C-alpha atoms as a PDB file:
ATOM      1  CA  UNK A   1      39.898   2.532 -32.098  1.00  0.00           C
ATOM      2  CA  UNK A   2      40.898   2.668 -35.466  1.00  0.00           C
ATOM      3  CA  UNK A   3      38.042   0.432 -36.781  1.00  0.00           C
ATOM      4  CA  UNK A   4      35.399   2.326 -34.950  1.00  0.00           C
ATOM      5  CA  UNK A   5      36.842   5.597 -36.330  1.00  0.00           C
ATOM      6  CA  UNK A   6      36.968   4.290 -39.930  1.00  0.00           C
ATOM      7  CA  UNK A   7      33.413   2.747 -39.914  1.00  0.00           C
ATOM      8  CA  UNK A   8      31.538   5.350 -37.969  1.00  0.00           C
ATOM      9  CA  UNK A   9      33.534   8.392 -37.685  1.00  0.00           C
ATOM     10  CA  UNK A  10      33.641   8.312 -33.949  1.00  0.00           C
ATOM     11  CA  UNK A  11      36.835   9.044 -31.865  1.00  0.00           C
ATOM     12  CA  UNK A  12      36.649   6.849 -28.974  1.00  0.00           C
ATOM     13  CA  UNK A  13      40.170   7.449 -27.671  1.00  0.00           C
ATOM     14  CA  UNK A  14      38.642   9.359 -24.647  1.00  0.00           C
ATOM     15  CA  UNK A  15      35.786   6.967 -24.059  1.00  0.00           C
ATOM     16  CA  UNK A  16      35.276   5.103 -20.988  1.00  0.00           C
ATOM     17  CA  UNK A  17      35.464   1.176 -21.535  1.00  0.00           C
ATOM     18  CA  UNK A  18      37.119  -1.120 -23.896  1.00  0.00           C
ATOM     19  CA  UNK A  19      37.476  -4.837 -24.461  1.00  0.00           C
ATOM     20  CA  UNK A  20      35.000  -7.016 -22.662  1.00  0.00           C
ATOM     21  CA  UNK A  21      35.524 -10.633 -23.600  1.00  0.00           C
ATOM     22  CA  UNK A  22      35.883 -12.893 -26.738  1.00  0.00           C
ATOM     23  CA  UNK A  23      33.497 -15.632 -27.697  1.00  0.00           C
ATOM     24  CA  UNK A  24      33.600 -18.292 -30.373  1.00  0.00           C
ATOM     25  CA  UNK A  25      30.623 -18.636 -32.794  1.00  0.00           C
ATOM     26  CA  UNK A  26      30.133 -21.792 -34.298  1.00  0.00           C
ATOM     27  CA  UNK A  27      27.632 -22.656 -37.205  1.00  0.00           C
ATOM     28  CA  UNK A  28      28.711 -26.066 -38.144  1.00  0.00           C
ATOM     29  CA  UNK A  29      25.798 -26.278 -40.866  1.00  0.00           C
ATOM     30  CA  UNK A  30      27.110 -23.443 -42.579  1.00  0.00           C
ATOM     31  CA  UNK A  31      31.022 -24.085 -41.976  1.00  0.00           C
ATOM     32  CA  UNK A  32      31.241 -20.612 -40.786  1.00  0.00           C
ATOM     33  CA  UNK A  33      33.077 -20.663 -37.567  1.00  0.00           C
ATOM     34  CA  UNK A  34      34.747 -17.498 -36.133  1.00  0.00           C
ATOM     35  CA  UNK A  35      35.736 -15.562 -32.982  1.00  0.00           C
ATOM     36  CA  UNK A  36      34.105 -12.152 -32.062  1.00  0.00           C
ATOM     37  CA  UNK A  37      35.640  -9.881 -29.724  1.00  0.00           C
ATOM     38  CA  UNK A  38      33.126  -7.798 -27.824  1.00  0.00           C
ATOM     39  CA  UNK A  39      33.983  -4.208 -26.890  1.00  0.00           C
ATOM     40  CA  UNK A  40      31.945  -1.759 -24.962  1.00  0.00           C
ATOM     41  CA  UNK A  41      32.562   1.961 -24.815  1.00  0.00           C
ATOM     42  CA  UNK A  42      30.766   4.768 -22.975  1.00  0.00           C
ATOM     43  CA  UNK A  43      30.519   8.062 -24.785  1.00  0.00           C
ATOM     44  CA  UNK A  44      28.321  11.144 -25.177  1.00  0.00           C
ATOM     45  CA  UNK A  45      27.912  11.486 -28.849  1.00  0.00           C
ATOM     46  CA  UNK A  46      25.409  13.571 -31.351  1.00  0.00           C
ATOM     47  CA  UNK A  47      24.124  11.770 -34.166  1.00  0.00           C
ATOM     48  CA  UNK A  48      25.710  14.152 -36.519  1.00  0.00           C
ATOM     49  CA  UNK A  49      29.031  12.955 -35.185  1.00  0.00           C
ATOM     50  CA  UNK A  50      28.363   9.650 -37.036  1.00  0.00           C
ATOM     51  CA  UNK A  51      29.993   9.406 -40.454  1.00  0.00           C
ATOM     52  CA  UNK A  52      29.232   5.938 -41.455  1.00  0.00           C
ATOM     53  CA  UNK A  53      31.435   3.877 -43.807  1.00  0.00           C
ATOM     54  CA  UNK A  54      28.891   2.738 -46.403  1.00  0.00           C
ATOM     55  CA  UNK A  55      31.193  -0.181 -47.647  1.00  0.00           C
ATOM     56  CA  UNK A  56      31.248  -1.448 -43.881  1.00  0.00           C
ATOM     57  CA  UNK A  57      27.819  -0.621 -42.325  1.00  0.00           C
ATOM     58  CA  UNK A  58      24.234  -0.815 -43.468  1.00  0.00           C
ATOM     59  CA  UNK A  59      22.659   1.281 -40.903  1.00  0.00           C
ATOM     60  CA  UNK A  60      22.505   2.309 -37.311  1.00  0.00           C
ATOM     61  CA  UNK A  61      20.206   2.793 -34.333  1.00  0.00           C
ATOM     62  CA  UNK A  62      20.366   3.944 -30.701  1.00  0.00           C
ATOM     63  CA  UNK A  63      18.308   1.858 -28.422  1.00  0.00           C
ATOM     64  CA  UNK A  64      17.964   1.486 -24.538  1.00  0.00           C
ATOM     65  CA  UNK A  65      18.943  -1.768 -22.845  1.00  0.00           C
ATOM     66  CA  UNK A  66      15.276  -2.866 -22.639  1.00  0.00           C
ATOM     67  CA  UNK A  67      14.481  -2.037 -26.342  1.00  0.00           C
ATOM     68  CA  UNK A  68      17.668  -4.461 -27.062  1.00  0.00           C
ATOM     69  CA  UNK A  69      16.322  -7.060 -24.637  1.00  0.00           C
ATOM     70  CA  UNK A  70      12.939  -6.901 -26.375  1.00  0.00           C
ATOM     71  CA  UNK A  71      14.547  -7.245 -29.869  1.00  0.00           C
ATOM     72  CA  UNK A  72      16.348 -10.259 -28.586  1.00  0.00           C
ATOM     73  CA  UNK A  73      12.929 -11.660 -27.583  1.00  0.00           C
ATOM     74  CA  UNK A  74      11.434 -11.171 -30.801  1.00  0.00           C
ATOM     75  CA  UNK A  75      14.511 -12.598 -32.731  1.00  0.00           C
ATOM     76  CA  UNK A  76      15.313  -9.311 -34.112  1.00  0.00           C
ATOM     77  CA  UNK A  77      18.656  -8.916 -32.254  1.00  0.00           C
ATOM     78  CA  UNK A  78      20.765 -12.005 -33.456  1.00  0.00           C
ATOM     79  CA  UNK A  79      23.273 -13.598 -31.145  1.00  0.00           C
ATOM     80  CA  UNK A  80      22.166 -11.592 -28.043  1.00  0.00           C
ATOM     81  CA  UNK A  81      22.796 -14.619 -25.787  1.00  0.00           C
ATOM     82  CA  UNK A  82      26.319 -14.547 -26.812  1.00  0.00           C
ATOM     83  CA  UNK A  83      26.791 -10.854 -25.803  1.00  0.00           C
ATOM     84  CA  UNK A  84      24.266 -10.099 -23.230  1.00  0.00           C
ATOM     85  CA  UNK A  85      27.120 -10.219 -20.475  1.00  0.00           C
ATOM     86  CA  UNK A  86      28.108  -6.759 -21.857  1.00  0.00           C
ATOM     87  CA  UNK A  87      24.602  -5.351 -21.118  1.00  0.00           C
ATOM     88  CA  UNK A  88      24.599  -6.868 -17.577  1.00  0.00           C
ATOM     89  CA  UNK A  89      27.222  -4.339 -16.621  1.00  0.00           C
ATOM     90  CA  UNK A  90      24.718  -1.428 -17.506  1.00  0.00           C
ATOM     91  CA  UNK A  91      22.797   0.091 -14.685  1.00  0.00           C
END
């Protein structure tokens, strides 16, 4: 919750959701292996609520599940296969 607030300005303390799963990302060619914790929160926000920490973010966008799936098909949403389970819960 602290990281989300620091990087986006959003208070998710009353949001629905939380931790979903962890996966290991392996990039043997780059020697860059790491674990990724995936969280999902549901919260009504206004774009004006966002206060991005410029050192940690380089932009944002709101997208529907279908738009994200299309980005994945186009190769725009990287690592989608690793996190798509979090979208399967959305109806």
